[in-house]
PDB file of all heavy atoms in Angstrom:
ATOM      1  N   TYR A   1      50.108  73.354  19.795  1.00  0.00           N
ATOM      2  CA  TYR A   1      50.347  72.684  18.522  1.00  0.00           C
ATOM      3  C   TYR A   1      49.240  72.946  17.510  1.00  0.00           C
ATOM      4  O   TYR A   1      49.187  72.292  16.463  1.00  0.00           O
ATOM      5  CB  TYR A   1      50.503  71.166  18.719  1.00  0.00           C
ATOM      6  CG  TYR A   1      49.328  70.471  19.360  1.00  0.00           C
ATOM      7  CD1 TYR A   1      48.254  70.017  18.603  1.00  0.00           C
ATOM      8  CD2 TYR A   1      49.291  70.261  20.734  1.00  0.00           C
ATOM      9  CE1 TYR A   1      47.185  69.383  19.194  1.00  0.00           C
ATOM     10  CE2 TYR A   1      48.222  69.627  21.334  1.00  0.00           C
ATOM     11  CZ  TYR A   1      47.177  69.185  20.575  1.00  0.00           C
ATOM     12  OH  TYR A   1      46.117  68.565  21.158  1.00  0.00           O
ATOM     13  N   GLY A   2      48.372  73.902  17.782  1.00  0.00           N
ATOM     14  CA  GLY A   2      47.298  74.240  16.848  1.00  0.00           C
ATOM     15  C   GLY A   2      47.783  74.634  15.474  1.00  0.00           C
ATOM     16  O   GLY A   2      47.298  74.125  14.464  1.00  0.00           O
ATOM     17  N   PRO A   3      48.762  75.558  15.365  1.00  0.00           N
ATOM     18  CA  PRO A   3      49.260  75.951  14.035  1.00  0.00           C
ATOM     19  C   PRO A   3      49.843  74.791  13.250  1.00  0.00           C
ATOM     20  O   PRO A   3      49.690  74.712  12.034  1.00  0.00           O
ATOM     21  CB  PRO A   3      50.325  77.007  14.353  1.00  0.00           C
ATOM     22  CG  PRO A   3      49.947  77.529  15.699  1.00  0.00           C
ATOM     23  CD  PRO A   3      49.361  76.367  16.429  1.00  0.00           C
ATOM     24  N   PHE A   4      50.512  73.859  13.941  1.00  0.00           N
ATOM     25  CA  PHE A   4      51.099  72.711  13.254  1.00  0.00           C
ATOM     26  C   PHE A   4      50.003  71.766  12.758  1.00  0.00           C
ATOM     27  O   PHE A   4      50.107  71.195  11.679  1.00  0.00           O
ATOM     28  CB  PHE A   4      52.058  71.971  14.183  1.00  0.00           C
ATOM     29  CG  PHE A   4      53.171  72.821  14.695  1.00  0.00           C
ATOM     30  CD1 PHE A   4      53.122  73.373  15.956  1.00  0.00           C
ATOM     31  CD2 PHE A   4      54.274  73.108  13.900  1.00  0.00           C
ATOM     32  CE1 PHE A   4      54.146  74.171  16.422  1.00  0.00           C
ATOM     33  CE2 PHE A   4      55.308  73.897  14.349  1.00  0.00           C
ATOM     34  CZ  PHE A   4      55.241  74.437  15.626  1.00  0.00           C
ATOM     35  N   TYR A   5      48.948  71.630  13.548  1.00  0.00           N
ATOM     36  CA  TYR A   5      47.834  70.787  13.128  1.00  0.00           C
ATOM     37  C   TYR A   5      47.137  71.384  11.911  1.00  0.00           C
ATOM     38  O   TYR A   5      46.755  70.668  10.988  1.00  0.00           O
ATOM     39  CB  TYR A   5      46.843  70.624  14.276  1.00  0.00           C
ATOM     40  CG  TYR A   5      45.621  69.827  13.921  1.00  0.00           C
ATOM     41  CD1 TYR A   5      45.665  68.432  13.884  1.00  0.00           C
ATOM     42  CD2 TYR A   5      44.417  70.448  13.602  1.00  0.00           C
ATOM     43  CE1 TYR A   5      44.556  67.685  13.544  1.00  0.00           C
ATOM     44  CE2 TYR A   5      43.300  69.717  13.258  1.00  0.00           C
ATOM     45  CZ  TYR A   5      43.377  68.333  13.240  1.00  0.00           C
ATOM     46  OH  TYR A   5      42.269  67.609  12.898  1.00  0.00           O
ATOM     47  N   LEU A   6      46.958  72.712  11.910  1.00  0.00           N
ATOM     48  CA  LEU A   6      46.336  73.376  10.768  1.00  0.00           C
ATOM     49  C   LEU A   6      47.176  73.195   9.515  1.00  0.00           C
ATOM     50  O   LEU A   6      46.657  72.896   8.432  1.00  0.00           O
ATOM     51  CB  LEU A   6      46.145  74.866  11.075  1.00  0.00           C
ATOM     52  CG  LEU A   6      45.586  75.725   9.935  1.00  0.00           C
ATOM     53  CD1 LEU A   6      44.201  75.243   9.529  1.00  0.00           C
ATOM     54  CD2 LEU A   6      45.532  77.190  10.350  1.00  0.00           C
ATOM     55  N   GLU A   7      48.491  73.360   9.646  1.00  0.00           N
ATOM     56  CA  GLU A   7      49.385  73.184   8.498  1.00  0.00           C
ATOM     57  C   GLU A   7      49.319  71.752   7.974  1.00  0.00           C
ATOM     58  O   GLU A   7      49.284  71.521   6.763  1.00  0.00           O
ATOM     59  CB  GLU A   7      50.813  73.542   8.895  1.00  0.00           C
ATOM     60  CG  GLU A   7      51.812  73.446   7.743  1.00  0.00           C
ATOM     61  CD  GLU A   7      53.221  73.828   8.170  1.00  0.00           C
ATOM     62  OE1 GLU A   7      53.400  74.204   9.331  1.00  0.00           O
ATOM     63  OE2 GLU A   7      54.123  73.738   7.329  1.00  0.00           O
ATOM     64  N   TYR A   8      49.293  70.796   8.884  1.00  0.00           N
ATOM     65  CA  TYR A   8      49.203  69.388   8.474  1.00  0.00           C
ATOM     66  C   TYR A   8      47.877  69.115   7.764  1.00  0.00           C
ATOM     67  O   TYR A   8      47.830  68.415   6.749  1.00  0.00           O
ATOM     68  CB  TYR A   8      49.325  68.484   9.699  1.00  0.00           C
ATOM     69  CG  TYR A   8      49.031  67.039   9.415  1.00  0.00           C
ATOM     70  CD1 TYR A   8      49.991  66.204   8.840  1.00  0.00           C
ATOM     71  CD2 TYR A   8      47.781  66.485   9.710  1.00  0.00           C
ATOM     72  CE1 TYR A   8      49.719  64.876   8.570  1.00  0.00           C
ATOM     73  CE2 TYR A   8      47.497  65.169   9.439  1.00  0.00           C
ATOM     74  CZ  TYR A   8      48.473  64.370   8.872  1.00  0.00           C
ATOM     75  OH  TYR A   8      48.181  63.051   8.606  1.00  0.00           O
ATOM     76  N   SER A   9      46.771  69.687   8.280  1.00  0.00           N
ATOM     77  CA  SER A   9      45.462  69.472   7.674  1.00  0.00           C
ATOM     78  C   SER A   9      45.411  70.017   6.249  1.00  0.00           C
ATOM     79  O   SER A   9      44.895  69.372   5.338  1.00  0.00           O
ATOM     80  CB  SER A   9      44.370  70.129   8.526  1.00  0.00           C
ATOM     81  OG  SER A   9      44.328  69.571   9.825  1.00  0.00           O
ATOM     82  N   LEU A  10      45.975  71.218   6.048  1.00  0.00           N
ATOM     83  CA  LEU A  10      45.956  71.821   4.716  1.00  0.00           C
ATOM     84  C   LEU A  10      46.857  71.060   3.749  1.00  0.00           C
ATOM     85  O   LEU A  10      46.525  70.905   2.569  1.00  0.00           O
ATOM     86  CB  LEU A  10      46.389  73.280   4.806  1.00  0.00           C
ATOM     87  CG  LEU A  10      45.444  74.192   5.596  1.00  0.00           C
ATOM     88  CD1 LEU A  10      46.023  75.585   5.715  1.00  0.00           C
ATOM     89  CD2 LEU A  10      44.078  74.244   4.938  1.00  0.00           C
ATOM     90  N   LEU A  11      47.985  70.560   4.247  1.00  0.00           N
ATOM     91  CA  LEU A  11      48.870  69.761   3.404  1.00  0.00           C
ATOM     92  C   LEU A  11      48.175  68.473   2.981  1.00  0.00           C
ATOM     93  O   LEU A  11      48.254  68.049   1.816  1.00  0.00           O
ATOM     94  CB  LEU A  11      50.166  69.457   4.141  1.00  0.00           C
ATOM     95  CG  LEU A  11      51.196  68.603   3.388  1.00  0.00           C
ATOM     96  CD1 LEU A  11      51.635  69.296   2.110  1.00  0.00           C
ATOM     97  CD2 LEU A  11      52.401  68.310   4.280  1.00  0.00           C
ATOM     98  N   ALA A  12      47.460  67.857   3.925  1.00  0.00           N
ATOM     99  CA  ALA A  12      46.721  66.636   3.595  1.00  0.00           C
ATOM    100  C   ALA A  12      45.605  66.917   2.594  1.00  0.00           C
ATOM    101  O   ALA A  12      45.348  66.114   1.691  1.00  0.00           O
ATOM    102  CB  ALA A  12      46.143  66.023   4.871  1.00  0.00           C
ATOM    103  N   GLU A  13      44.952  68.081   2.725  1.00  0.00           N
ATOM    104  CA  GLU A  13      43.885  68.442   1.798  1.00  0.00           C
ATOM    105  C   GLU A  13      44.429  68.637   0.385  1.00  0.00           C
ATOM    106  O   GLU A  13      43.826  68.184  -0.592  1.00  0.00           O
ATOM    107  CB  GLU A  13      43.182  69.714   2.274  1.00  0.00           C
ATOM    108  CG  GLU A  13      42.302  69.525   3.490  1.00  0.00           C
ATOM    109  CD  GLU A  13      41.066  68.705   3.195  1.00  0.00           C
ATOM    110  OE1 GLU A  13      40.699  68.571   2.015  1.00  0.00           O
ATOM    111  OE2 GLU A  13      40.461  68.188   4.151  1.00  0.00           O
ATOM    112  N   PHE A  14      45.552  69.313   0.265  1.00  0.00           N
ATOM    113  CA  PHE A  14      46.120  69.535  -1.064  1.00  0.00           C
ATOM    114  C   PHE A  14      46.578  68.212  -1.682  1.00  0.00           C
ATOM    115  O   PHE A  14      46.460  68.010  -2.896  1.00  0.00           O
ATOM    116  CB  PHE A  14      47.293  70.506  -0.982  1.00  0.00           C
ATOM    117  CG  PHE A  14      47.852  70.892  -2.324  1.00  0.00           C
ATOM    118  CD1 PHE A  14      47.155  71.750  -3.164  1.00  0.00           C
ATOM    119  CD2 PHE A  14      49.068  70.389  -2.760  1.00  0.00           C
ATOM    120  CE1 PHE A  14      47.657  72.093  -4.410  1.00  0.00           C
ATOM    121  CE2 PHE A  14      49.580  70.731  -3.992  1.00  0.00           C
ATOM    122  CZ  PHE A  14      48.872  71.584  -4.824  1.00  0.00           C
ATOM    123  N   THR A  15      47.080  67.301  -0.863  1.00  0.00           N
ATOM    124  CA  THR A  15      47.469  65.982  -1.366  1.00  0.00           C
ATOM    125  C   THR A  15      46.257  65.242  -1.917  1.00  0.00           C
ATOM    126  O   THR A  15      46.335  64.579  -2.958  1.00  0.00           O
ATOM    127  CB  THR A  15      48.121  65.165  -0.247  1.00  0.00           C
ATOM    128  OG1 THR A  15      49.268  65.869   0.255  1.00  0.00           O
ATOM    129  CG2 THR A  15      48.570  63.802  -0.757  1.00  0.00           C
ATOM    130  N   LEU A  16      45.117  65.374  -1.241  1.00  0.00           N
ATOM    131  CA  LEU A  16      43.891  64.743  -1.734  1.00  0.00           C
ATOM    132  C   LEU A  16      43.453  65.354  -3.063  1.00  0.00           C
ATOM    133  O   LEU A  16      42.982  64.643  -3.955  1.00  0.00           O
ATOM    134  CB  LEU A  16      42.775  64.896  -0.702  1.00  0.00           C
ATOM    135  CG  LEU A  16      42.881  64.033   0.556  1.00  0.00           C
ATOM    136  CD1 LEU A  16      41.755  64.378   1.527  1.00  0.00           C
ATOM    137  CD2 LEU A  16      42.837  62.553   0.212  1.00  0.00           C
ATOM    138  N   VAL A  17      43.607  66.664  -3.200  1.00  0.00           N
ATOM    139  CA  VAL A  17      43.247  67.325  -4.462  1.00  0.00           C
ATOM    140  C   VAL A  17      44.092  66.779  -5.609  1.00  0.00           C
ATOM    141  O   VAL A  17      43.586  66.491  -6.699  1.00  0.00           O
ATOM    142  CB  VAL A  17      43.423  68.851  -4.335  1.00  0.00           C
ATOM    143  CG1 VAL A  17      43.254  69.518  -5.701  1.00  0.00           C
ATOM    144  CG2 VAL A  17      42.415  69.430  -3.358  1.00  0.00           C
ATOM    145  N   VAL A  18      45.377  66.619  -5.368  1.00  0.00           N
ATOM    146  CA  VAL A  18      46.275  66.105  -6.403  1.00  0.00           C
ATOM    147  C   VAL A  18      45.892  64.677  -6.783  1.00  0.00           C
ATOM    148  O   VAL A  18      45.884  64.302  -7.961  1.00  0.00           O
ATOM    149  CB  VAL A  18      47.738  66.177  -5.919  1.00  0.00           C
ATOM    150  CG1 VAL A  18      48.665  65.519  -6.936  1.00  0.00           C
ATOM    151  CG2 VAL A  18      48.153  67.626  -5.693  1.00  0.00           C
ATOM    152  N   LYS A  19      45.543  63.859  -5.787  1.00  0.00           N
ATOM    153  CA  LYS A  19      45.202  62.463  -6.052  1.00  0.00           C
ATOM    154  C   LYS A  19      43.883  62.335  -6.821  1.00  0.00           C
ATOM    155  O   LYS A  19      43.701  61.394  -7.594  1.00  0.00           O
ATOM    156  CB  LYS A  19      45.119  61.685  -4.740  1.00  0.00           C
ATOM    157  CG  LYS A  19      46.470  61.459  -4.074  1.00  0.00           C
ATOM    158  CD  LYS A  19      46.320  60.624  -2.816  1.00  0.00           C
ATOM    159  CE  LYS A  19      47.679  60.346  -2.181  1.00  0.00           C
ATOM    160  NZ  LYS A  19      47.555  59.525  -0.945  1.00  0.00           N
ATOM    161  N   GLN A  20      42.959  63.254  -6.595  1.00  0.00           N
ATOM    162  CA  GLN A  20      41.657  63.169  -7.259  1.00  0.00           C
ATOM    163  C   GLN A  20      41.750  63.430  -8.759  1.00  0.00           C
ATOM    164  O   GLN A  20      40.922  62.926  -9.520  1.00  0.00           O
ATOM    165  CB  GLN A  20      40.681  64.161  -6.622  1.00  0.00           C
ATOM    166  CG  GLN A  20      40.268  63.812  -5.212  1.00  0.00           C
ATOM    167  CD  GLN A  20      39.535  62.490  -5.129  1.00  0.00           C
ATOM    168  OE1 GLN A  20      38.744  62.148  -6.003  1.00  0.00           O
ATOM    169  NE2 GLN A  20      39.795  61.740  -4.074  1.00  0.00           N
ATOM    170  N   LYS A  21      42.732  64.248  -9.189  1.00  0.00           N
ATOM    171  CA  LYS A  21      42.909  64.570 -10.606  1.00  0.00           C
ATOM    172  C   LYS A  21      41.601  65.079 -11.227  1.00  0.00           C
ATOM    173  O   LYS A  21      41.087  64.529 -12.208  1.00  0.00           O
ATOM    174  CB  LYS A  21      43.420  63.343 -11.370  1.00  0.00           C
ATOM    175  CG  LYS A  21      44.780  62.852 -10.901  1.00  0.00           C
ATOM    176  CD  LYS A  21      45.239  61.638 -11.692  1.00  0.00           C
ATOM    177  CE  LYS A  21      46.608  61.162 -11.212  1.00  0.00           C
ATOM    178  NZ  LYS A  21      47.071  59.965 -11.966  1.00  0.00           N
ATOM    179  N   LEU A  22      41.072  66.129 -10.633  1.00  0.00           N
ATOM    180  CA  LEU A  22      39.815  66.686 -11.117  1.00  0.00           C
ATOM    181  C   LEU A  22      39.990  67.204 -12.543  1.00  0.00           C
ATOM    182  O   LEU A  22      40.867  68.031 -12.799  1.00  0.00           O
ATOM    183  CB  LEU A  22      39.366  67.823 -10.196  1.00  0.00           C
ATOM    184  CG  LEU A  22      39.219  67.456  -8.712  1.00  0.00           C
ATOM    185  CD1 LEU A  22      38.814  68.680  -7.913  1.00  0.00           C
ATOM    186  CD2 LEU A  22      38.208  66.341  -8.543  1.00  0.00           C
ATOM    187  N   PRO A  23      39.181  66.771 -13.483  1.00  0.00           N
ATOM    188  CA  PRO A  23      39.354  67.192 -14.887  1.00  0.00           C
ATOM    189  C   PRO A  23      39.067  68.677 -15.074  1.00  0.00           C
ATOM    190  O   PRO A  23      38.013  69.175 -14.690  1.00  0.00           O
ATOM    191  CB  PRO A  23      38.329  66.331 -15.640  1.00  0.00           C
ATOM    192  CG  PRO A  23      37.320  65.926 -14.607  1.00  0.00           C
ATOM    193  CD  PRO A  23      38.056  65.833 -13.325  1.00  0.00           C
ATOM    194  N   GLY A  24      40.032  69.374 -15.645  1.00  0.00           N
ATOM    195  CA  GLY A  24      39.850  70.778 -15.953  1.00  0.00           C
ATOM    196  C   GLY A  24      39.971  71.719 -14.775  1.00  0.00           C
ATOM    197  O   GLY A  24      39.666  72.906 -14.913  1.00  0.00           O
ATOM    198  N   VAL A  25      40.412  71.234 -13.612  1.00  0.00           N
ATOM    199  CA  VAL A  25      40.527  72.070 -12.419  1.00  0.00           C
ATOM    200  C   VAL A  25      41.976  72.058 -11.943  1.00  0.00           C
ATOM    201  O   VAL A  25      42.565  70.986 -11.761  1.00  0.00           O
ATOM    202  CB  VAL A  25      39.603  71.577 -11.295  1.00  0.00           C
ATOM    203  CG1 VAL A  25      39.722  72.480 -10.064  1.00  0.00           C
ATOM    204  CG2 VAL A  25      38.160  71.519 -11.766  1.00  0.00           C
ATOM    205  N   TYR A  26      42.532  73.242 -11.748  1.00  0.00           N
ATOM    206  CA  TYR A  26      43.916  73.366 -11.298  1.00  0.00           C
ATOM    207  C   TYR A  26      43.963  74.372 -10.146  1.00  0.00           C
ATOM    208  O   TYR A  26      43.364  75.448 -10.228  1.00  0.00           O
ATOM    209  CB  TYR A  26      44.813  73.845 -12.446  1.00  0.00           C
ATOM    210  CG  TYR A  26      44.767  72.948 -13.663  1.00  0.00           C
ATOM    211  CD1 TYR A  26      43.826  73.162 -14.670  1.00  0.00           C
ATOM    212  CD2 TYR A  26      45.653  71.883 -13.802  1.00  0.00           C
ATOM    213  CE1 TYR A  26      43.766  72.337 -15.786  1.00  0.00           C
ATOM    214  CE2 TYR A  26      45.591  71.057 -14.913  1.00  0.00           C
ATOM    215  CZ  TYR A  26      44.654  71.282 -15.893  1.00  0.00           C
ATOM    216  OH  TYR A  26      44.591  70.460 -16.994  1.00  0.00           O
ATOM    217  N   VAL A  27      44.668  74.016  -9.078  1.00  0.00           N
ATOM    218  CA  VAL A  27      44.784  74.891  -7.921  1.00  0.00           C
ATOM    219  C   VAL A  27      46.235  74.962  -7.467  1.00  0.00           C
ATOM    220  O   VAL A  27      47.028  74.037  -7.721  1.00  0.00           O
ATOM    221  CB  VAL A  27      43.903  74.422  -6.746  1.00  0.00           C
ATOM    222  CG1 VAL A  27      42.436  74.594  -7.055  1.00  0.00           C
ATOM    223  CG2 VAL A  27      44.211  72.985  -6.367  1.00  0.00           C
ATOM    224  N   GLN A  28      46.566  76.053  -6.797  1.00  0.00           N
ATOM    225  CA  GLN A  28      47.912  76.278  -6.279  1.00  0.00           C
ATOM    226  C   GLN A  28      47.805  77.093  -4.991  1.00  0.00           C
ATOM    227  O   GLN A  28      47.274  78.203  -5.012  1.00  0.00           O
ATOM    228  CB  GLN A  28      48.767  77.030  -7.303  1.00  0.00           C
ATOM    229  CG  GLN A  28      50.126  77.481  -6.797  1.00  0.00           C
ATOM    230  CD  GLN A  28      51.043  76.297  -6.533  1.00  0.00           C
ATOM    231  OE1 GLN A  28      51.031  75.316  -7.252  1.00  0.00           O
ATOM    232  NE2 GLN A  28      51.840  76.401  -5.487  1.00  0.00           N
ATOM    233  N   PRO A  29      48.286  76.558  -3.854  1.00  0.00           N
ATOM    234  CA  PRO A  29      48.246  77.339  -2.610  1.00  0.00           C
ATOM    235  C   PRO A  29      49.066  78.615  -2.722  1.00  0.00           C
ATOM    236  O   PRO A  29      50.082  78.670  -3.420  1.00  0.00           O
ATOM    237  CB  PRO A  29      48.837  76.384  -1.571  1.00  0.00           C
ATOM    238  CG  PRO A  29      48.634  75.013  -2.144  1.00  0.00           C
ATOM    239  CD  PRO A  29      48.768  75.187  -3.633  1.00  0.00           C
ATOM    240  N   SER A  30      48.630  79.629  -2.030  1.00  0.00           N
ATOM    241  CA  SER A  30      49.308  80.915  -2.044  1.00  0.00           C
ATOM    242  C   SER A  30      50.653  80.827  -1.328  1.00  0.00           C
ATOM    243  O   SER A  30      50.851  80.007  -0.422  1.00  0.00           O
ATOM    244  CB  SER A  30      48.432  81.977  -1.369  1.00  0.00           C
ATOM    245  OG  SER A  30      49.167  83.145  -1.092  1.00  0.00           O
ATOM    246  N   TYR A  31      51.575  81.662  -1.749  1.00  0.00           N
ATOM    247  CA  TYR A  31      52.870  81.760  -1.080  1.00  0.00           C
ATOM    248  C   TYR A  31      52.735  82.494   0.250  1.00  0.00           C
ATOM    249  O   TYR A  31      53.410  82.165   1.218  1.00  0.00           O
ATOM    250  CB  TYR A  31      53.869  82.487  -1.978  1.00  0.00           C
ATOM    251  CG  TYR A  31      55.214  82.748  -1.335  1.00  0.00           C
ATOM    252  CD1 TYR A  31      56.201  81.763  -1.313  1.00  0.00           C
ATOM    253  CD2 TYR A  31      55.497  83.977  -0.755  1.00  0.00           C
ATOM    254  CE1 TYR A  31      57.432  81.995  -0.718  1.00  0.00           C
ATOM    255  CE2 TYR A  31      56.722  84.224  -0.157  1.00  0.00           C
ATOM    256  CZ  TYR A  31      57.691  83.236  -0.146  1.00  0.00           C
ATOM    257  OH  TYR A  31      58.903  83.472   0.454  1.00  0.00           O
ATOM    258  N   GLN A  32      51.835  83.466   0.300  1.00  0.00           N
ATOM    259  CA  GLN A  32      51.687  84.295   1.487  1.00  0.00           C
ATOM    260  C   GLN A  32      50.935  83.587   2.605  1.00  0.00           C
ATOM    261  O   GLN A  32      51.256  83.750   3.779  1.00  0.00           O
ATOM    262  CB  GLN A  32      50.974  85.598   1.129  1.00  0.00           C
ATOM    263  CG  GLN A  32      51.704  86.442   0.100  1.00  0.00           C
ATOM    264  CD  GLN A  32      50.920  87.692  -0.283  1.00  0.00           C
ATOM    265  OE1 GLN A  32      49.839  87.943   0.246  1.00  0.00           O
ATOM    266  NE2 GLN A  32      51.469  88.464  -1.213  1.00  0.00           N
ATOM    267  N   SER A  33      49.934  82.792   2.244  1.00  0.00           N
ATOM    268  CA  SER A  33      49.111  82.131   3.248  1.00  0.00           C
ATOM    269  C   SER A  33      48.590  80.818   2.706  1.00  0.00           C
ATOM    270  O   SER A  33      48.058  80.766   1.593  1.00  0.00           O
ATOM    271  CB  SER A  33      47.938  83.034   3.661  1.00  0.00           C
ATOM    272  OG  SER A  33      47.029  82.338   4.500  1.00  0.00           O
TER     273      SER A  33
END
């Protein structure tokens, strides 16, 4: 279940980025990876 845990961790990280609303900073995960 390592790959699923990694995917969950990255999804949680991106959710935290969205919640922080960093001023002037915009990010988007890659489609490929």
